[in-house]
Amino acid sequence: MKLVFAGLASVLFVIGNAAAASLDMASAEAMMKKDGCAACHAVDKIIIGPSYQEVAAKYKGDKDAPAKLVKKVKEGGSGVWGQVPMPPNVTTPDADVKALVGWILTLKK
């Protein structure tokens, strides 16, 4: 049973990463604007929250990063990047969050 679950989790991760990898810069920026992310984040500079390049660098090599970041985006939080809290994004579609997180993790400084 554990082997089946692990295999399914791996397939879903690969599918999720393939969807994220298919986002180009224009599509990702459009999604960021549509979902309100661009109010606090930019690809290469700090606005209110960290740049997406900084996020990618911080979580580089962390196999749990996609799940951690999806959870953080959906639930919000504070203290990781400073004292300004990130509000929860409960109305942002899960597919958008997963695609954007996957895309963010591909960025380089």
N, C-alpha and C. Protein backbone atom coordinates (compact mmCIF):
# COMPACT_ATOMS: atom_id res chain seq x y z
N MET A 1 0.82 -1.19 0.00
CA MET A 1 0.00 0.00 0.00
C MET A 1 0.87 1.26 0.00
N LYS A 2 1.94 1.28 0.83
CA LYS A 2 2.81 2.44 0.88
C LYS A 2 3.50 2.65 -0.46
N LEU A 3 3.89 1.58 -1.11
CA LEU A 3 4.56 1.68 -2.40
C LEU A 3 3.63 2.30 -3.44
N VAL A 4 2.37 1.92 -3.44
CA VAL A 4 1.40 2.47 -4.37
C VAL A 4 1.23 3.96 -4.12
N PHE A 5 1.10 4.36 -2.85
CA PHE A 5 0.94 5.76 -2.51
C PHE A 5 2.17 6.56 -2.91
N ALA A 6 3.36 6.04 -2.63
CA ALA A 6 4.60 6.72 -2.99
C ALA A 6 4.69 6.89 -4.50
N GLY A 7 4.31 5.85 -5.23
CA GLY A 7 4.33 5.93 -6.68
C GLY A 7 3.36 6.96 -7.21
N LEU A 8 2.17 7.02 -6.63
CA LEU A 8 1.16 8.00 -7.03
C LEU A 8 1.65 9.41 -6.71
N ALA A 9 2.25 9.58 -5.55
CA ALA A 9 2.76 10.90 -5.16
C ALA A 9 3.84 11.35 -6.15
N SER A 10 4.70 10.44 -6.56
CA SER A 10 5.75 10.78 -7.52
C SER A 10 5.16 11.18 -8.87
N VAL A 11 4.15 10.46 -9.31
CA VAL A 11 3.50 10.78 -10.58
C VAL A 11 2.85 12.15 -10.50
N LEU A 12 2.14 12.43 -9.41
CA LEU A 12 1.49 13.73 -9.26
C LEU A 12 2.51 14.85 -9.20
N PHE A 13 3.64 14.63 -8.54
CA PHE A 13 4.69 15.64 -8.46
C PHE A 13 5.24 15.94 -9.86
N VAL A 14 5.49 14.90 -10.63
CA VAL A 14 6.01 15.07 -11.99
C VAL A 14 4.99 15.81 -12.85
N ILE A 15 3.73 15.45 -12.75
CA ILE A 15 2.68 16.12 -13.51
C ILE A 15 2.61 17.58 -13.10
N GLY A 16 2.64 17.84 -11.81
CA GLY A 16 2.60 19.22 -11.32
C GLY A 16 3.78 20.02 -11.81
N ASN A 17 4.98 19.44 -11.79
CA ASN A 17 6.16 20.14 -12.27
C ASN A 17 6.11 20.36 -13.77
N ALA A 18 5.54 19.42 -14.50
CA ALA A 18 5.41 19.61 -15.94
C ALA A 18 4.49 20.79 -16.24
N ALA A 19 3.40 20.91 -15.49
CA ALA A 19 2.49 22.04 -15.68
C ALA A 19 3.19 23.34 -15.35
N ALA A 20 3.95 23.36 -14.26
CA ALA A 20 4.67 24.57 -13.86
C ALA A 20 5.73 24.92 -14.89
N ALA A 21 6.43 23.91 -15.38
CA ALA A 21 7.49 24.15 -16.35
C ALA A 21 6.92 24.71 -17.64
N SER A 22 5.64 24.45 -17.91
CA SER A 22 5.05 24.93 -19.14
C SER A 22 4.67 26.41 -19.05
N LEU A 23 4.71 27.00 -17.85
CA LEU A 23 4.44 28.43 -17.72
C LEU A 23 5.63 29.21 -18.27
N ASP A 24 5.38 30.12 -19.17
CA ASP A 24 6.44 31.02 -19.59
C ASP A 24 6.31 32.31 -18.78
N MET A 25 7.24 33.21 -18.93
CA MET A 25 7.25 34.44 -18.14
C MET A 25 5.95 35.22 -18.30
N ALA A 26 5.47 35.37 -19.52
CA ALA A 26 4.26 36.14 -19.76
C ALA A 26 3.04 35.49 -19.09
N SER A 27 2.93 34.17 -19.19
CA SER A 27 1.81 33.46 -18.56
C SER A 27 1.88 33.56 -17.05
N ALA A 28 3.08 33.41 -16.50
CA ALA A 28 3.24 33.50 -15.05
C ALA A 28 2.92 34.90 -14.55
N GLU A 29 3.40 35.93 -15.25
CA GLU A 29 3.11 37.29 -14.83
C GLU A 29 1.63 37.61 -14.93
N ALA A 30 0.96 37.11 -15.96
CA ALA A 30 -0.48 37.31 -16.08
C ALA A 30 -1.22 36.64 -14.92
N MET A 31 -0.79 35.44 -14.57
CA MET A 31 -1.41 34.72 -13.45
C MET A 31 -1.16 35.45 -12.13
N MET A 32 0.07 35.98 -11.97
CA MET A 32 0.41 36.73 -10.75
C MET A 32 -0.49 37.96 -10.60
N LYS A 33 -0.76 38.64 -11.70
CA LYS A 33 -1.63 39.83 -11.66
C LYS A 33 -3.07 39.42 -11.39
N LYS A 34 -3.53 38.39 -12.09
CA LYS A 34 -4.91 37.94 -11.94
C LYS A 34 -5.20 37.51 -10.51
N ASP A 35 -4.26 36.82 -9.89
CA ASP A 35 -4.48 36.27 -8.56
C ASP A 35 -4.03 37.21 -7.44
N GLY A 36 -3.52 38.40 -7.78
CA GLY A 36 -3.16 39.39 -6.77
C GLY A 36 -1.76 39.27 -6.21
N CYS A 37 -0.97 38.31 -6.67
CA CYS A 37 0.39 38.10 -6.15
C CYS A 37 1.29 39.30 -6.45
N ALA A 38 1.08 39.94 -7.60
CA ALA A 38 1.94 41.02 -8.05
C ALA A 38 1.83 42.26 -7.17
N ALA A 39 0.83 42.32 -6.32
CA ALA A 39 0.71 43.46 -5.41
C ALA A 39 1.85 43.47 -4.39
N CYS A 40 2.38 42.30 -4.06
CA CYS A 40 3.41 42.20 -3.02
C CYS A 40 4.71 41.58 -3.51
N HIS A 41 4.70 40.91 -4.66
CA HIS A 41 5.88 40.19 -5.15
C HIS A 41 6.20 40.55 -6.59
N ALA A 42 7.49 40.50 -6.91
CA ALA A 42 7.97 40.64 -8.28
C ALA A 42 9.01 39.55 -8.51
N VAL A 43 9.32 39.32 -9.75
CA VAL A 43 10.28 38.26 -10.07
C VAL A 43 11.66 38.59 -9.52
N ASP A 44 12.10 39.83 -9.71
CA ASP A 44 13.51 40.15 -9.43
C ASP A 44 13.75 41.28 -8.44
N LYS A 45 12.70 41.73 -7.74
CA LYS A 45 12.91 42.79 -6.75
C LYS A 45 11.92 42.65 -5.61
N ILE A 46 12.31 43.20 -4.48
CA ILE A 46 11.44 43.19 -3.30
C ILE A 46 10.41 44.29 -3.47
N ILE A 47 9.16 43.96 -3.24
CA ILE A 47 8.10 44.97 -3.18
C ILE A 47 7.70 45.05 -1.71
N ILE A 48 6.82 44.18 -1.29
CA ILE A 48 6.48 44.02 0.13
C ILE A 48 7.06 42.70 0.61
N GLY A 49 6.85 41.67 -0.20
CA GLY A 49 7.41 40.35 0.09
C GLY A 49 8.68 40.15 -0.72
N PRO A 50 9.33 39.02 -0.54
CA PRO A 50 10.57 38.74 -1.25
C PRO A 50 10.35 38.59 -2.75
N SER A 51 11.43 38.77 -3.51
CA SER A 51 11.33 38.50 -4.94
C SER A 51 11.20 36.99 -5.13
N TYR A 52 10.63 36.60 -6.24
CA TYR A 52 10.50 35.18 -6.51
C TYR A 52 11.86 34.53 -6.73
N GLN A 53 12.82 35.28 -7.23
CA GLN A 53 14.18 34.74 -7.38
C GLN A 53 14.78 34.42 -6.01
N GLU A 54 14.52 35.28 -5.01
CA GLU A 54 15.01 35.01 -3.66
C GLU A 54 14.35 33.76 -3.08
N VAL A 55 13.07 33.61 -3.33
CA VAL A 55 12.35 32.42 -2.85
C VAL A 55 12.96 31.17 -3.47
N ALA A 56 13.18 31.20 -4.78
CA ALA A 56 13.76 30.04 -5.47
C ALA A 56 15.14 29.70 -4.90
N ALA A 57 15.95 30.73 -4.64
CA ALA A 57 17.29 30.49 -4.10
C ALA A 57 17.22 29.89 -2.69
N LYS A 58 16.32 30.39 -1.87
CA LYS A 58 16.19 29.90 -0.50
C LYS A 58 15.80 28.43 -0.46
N TYR A 59 14.92 28.01 -1.37
CA TYR A 59 14.39 26.65 -1.33
C TYR A 59 15.06 25.71 -2.35
N LYS A 60 16.13 26.18 -2.99
CA LYS A 60 16.83 25.35 -3.97
C LYS A 60 17.29 24.05 -3.32
N GLY A 61 16.97 22.93 -3.95
CA GLY A 61 17.39 21.63 -3.46
C GLY A 61 16.50 21.04 -2.37
N ASP A 62 15.49 21.78 -1.94
CA ASP A 62 14.56 21.29 -0.91
C ASP A 62 13.42 20.53 -1.59
N LYS A 63 13.44 19.21 -1.49
CA LYS A 63 12.43 18.40 -2.17
C LYS A 63 11.03 18.65 -1.63
N ASP A 64 10.92 19.17 -0.42
CA ASP A 64 9.62 19.45 0.17
C ASP A 64 9.12 20.87 -0.12
N ALA A 65 9.93 21.66 -0.82
CA ALA A 65 9.60 23.06 -1.07
C ALA A 65 8.25 23.25 -1.78
N PRO A 66 7.94 22.49 -2.83
CA PRO A 66 6.65 22.74 -3.48
C PRO A 66 5.46 22.63 -2.51
N ALA A 67 5.43 21.59 -1.72
CA ALA A 67 4.32 21.41 -0.78
C ALA A 67 4.32 22.49 0.30
N LYS A 68 5.51 22.82 0.83
CA LYS A 68 5.62 23.87 1.85
C LYS A 68 5.11 25.20 1.33
N LEU A 69 5.53 25.56 0.12
CA LEU A 69 5.18 26.86 -0.42
C LEU A 69 3.71 26.94 -0.82
N VAL A 70 3.17 25.87 -1.37
CA VAL A 70 1.73 25.86 -1.68
C VAL A 70 0.94 26.09 -0.40
N LYS A 71 1.32 25.39 0.66
CA LYS A 71 0.63 25.54 1.94
C LYS A 71 0.77 26.97 2.45
N LYS A 72 1.97 27.54 2.36
CA LYS A 72 2.22 28.90 2.84
C LYS A 72 1.38 29.91 2.06
N VAL A 73 1.30 29.75 0.75
CA VAL A 73 0.51 30.67 -0.07
C VAL A 73 -0.97 30.57 0.31
N LYS A 74 -1.47 29.36 0.46
CA LYS A 74 -2.89 29.18 0.78
C LYS A 74 -3.23 29.67 2.18
N GLU A 75 -2.35 29.38 3.17
CA GLU A 75 -2.66 29.69 4.58
C GLU A 75 -2.10 31.03 5.05
N GLY A 76 -1.13 31.58 4.33
CA GLY A 76 -0.48 32.81 4.76
C GLY A 76 0.53 32.52 5.86
N GLY A 77 1.13 33.57 6.40
CA GLY A 77 2.08 33.38 7.48
C GLY A 77 3.00 34.57 7.61
N SER A 78 3.92 34.48 8.58
CA SER A 78 4.89 35.56 8.78
C SER A 78 6.13 35.00 9.44
N GLY A 79 7.17 35.83 9.46
CA GLY A 79 8.40 35.47 10.16
C GLY A 79 9.49 34.87 9.31
N VAL A 80 9.18 34.33 8.15
CA VAL A 80 10.20 33.72 7.30
C VAL A 80 11.00 34.80 6.57
N TRP A 81 10.31 35.84 6.10
CA TRP A 81 10.95 36.90 5.31
C TRP A 81 10.86 38.26 6.00
N GLY A 82 10.54 38.27 7.27
CA GLY A 82 10.40 39.54 7.98
C GLY A 82 9.10 39.56 8.76
N GLN A 83 8.77 40.72 9.26
CA GLN A 83 7.61 40.83 10.14
C GLN A 83 6.29 41.09 9.41
N VAL A 84 6.33 41.49 8.15
CA VAL A 84 5.10 41.75 7.42
C VAL A 84 4.46 40.42 7.06
N PRO A 85 3.24 40.18 7.55
CA PRO A 85 2.60 38.89 7.27
C PRO A 85 2.07 38.81 5.83
N MET A 86 2.12 37.61 5.30
CA MET A 86 1.47 37.35 4.02
C MET A 86 0.07 36.85 4.33
N PRO A 87 -0.94 37.52 3.79
CA PRO A 87 -2.31 37.07 4.07
C PRO A 87 -2.59 35.74 3.38
N PRO A 88 -3.55 34.99 3.90
CA PRO A 88 -3.92 33.74 3.23
C PRO A 88 -4.56 34.03 1.87
N ASN A 89 -4.33 33.15 0.95
CA ASN A 89 -4.88 33.28 -0.40
C ASN A 89 -5.86 32.15 -0.66
N VAL A 90 -6.93 32.13 0.11
CA VAL A 90 -7.87 31.02 0.07
C VAL A 90 -8.72 31.01 -1.20
N THR A 91 -8.86 32.14 -1.86
CA THR A 91 -9.70 32.17 -3.06
C THR A 91 -8.91 31.90 -4.34
N THR A 92 -7.58 31.90 -4.23
CA THR A 92 -6.76 31.60 -5.40
C THR A 92 -6.88 30.12 -5.71
N PRO A 93 -7.21 29.79 -6.95
CA PRO A 93 -7.38 28.37 -7.30
C PRO A 93 -6.11 27.55 -7.01
N ASP A 94 -6.29 26.37 -6.48
CA ASP A 94 -5.17 25.48 -6.16
C ASP A 94 -4.27 25.25 -7.37
N ALA A 95 -4.87 25.10 -8.54
CA ALA A 95 -4.08 24.86 -9.75
C ALA A 95 -3.16 26.05 -10.04
N ASP A 96 -3.65 27.26 -9.82
CA ASP A 96 -2.82 28.45 -10.02
C ASP A 96 -1.67 28.48 -9.03
N VAL A 97 -1.97 28.20 -7.76
CA VAL A 97 -0.93 28.22 -6.73
C VAL A 97 0.15 27.19 -7.06
N LYS A 98 -0.25 26.00 -7.40
CA LYS A 98 0.71 24.93 -7.70
C LYS A 98 1.55 25.29 -8.93
N ALA A 99 0.91 25.82 -9.96
CA ALA A 99 1.64 26.19 -11.17
C ALA A 99 2.63 27.31 -10.89
N LEU A 100 2.18 28.33 -10.16
CA LEU A 100 3.09 29.45 -9.86
C LEU A 100 4.24 29.02 -8.95
N VAL A 101 3.96 28.23 -7.94
CA VAL A 101 5.03 27.76 -7.05
C VAL A 101 6.04 26.94 -7.85
N GLY A 102 5.57 26.06 -8.69
CA GLY A 102 6.47 25.26 -9.51
C GLY A 102 7.32 26.14 -10.41
N TRP A 103 6.71 27.16 -11.00
CA TRP A 103 7.43 28.08 -11.87
C TRP A 103 8.45 28.89 -11.07
N ILE A 104 8.04 29.39 -9.91
CA ILE A 104 8.95 30.18 -9.06
C ILE A 104 10.20 29.37 -8.73
N LEU A 105 10.02 28.11 -8.42
CA LEU A 105 11.16 27.27 -8.03
C LEU A 105 12.14 27.00 -9.17
N THR A 106 11.75 27.36 -10.40
CA THR A 106 12.66 27.19 -11.55
C THR A 106 13.51 28.44 -11.78
N LEU A 107 13.19 29.54 -11.10
CA LEU A 107 13.88 30.82 -11.36
C LEU A 107 15.29 30.81 -10.81
N LYS A 108 16.13 31.59 -11.44
CA LYS A 108 17.52 31.76 -11.02
C LYS A 108 17.79 33.24 -10.85
N LYS A 109 18.71 33.57 -9.93
CA LYS A 109 19.09 34.98 -9.72
C LYS A 109 20.01 35.43 -10.81
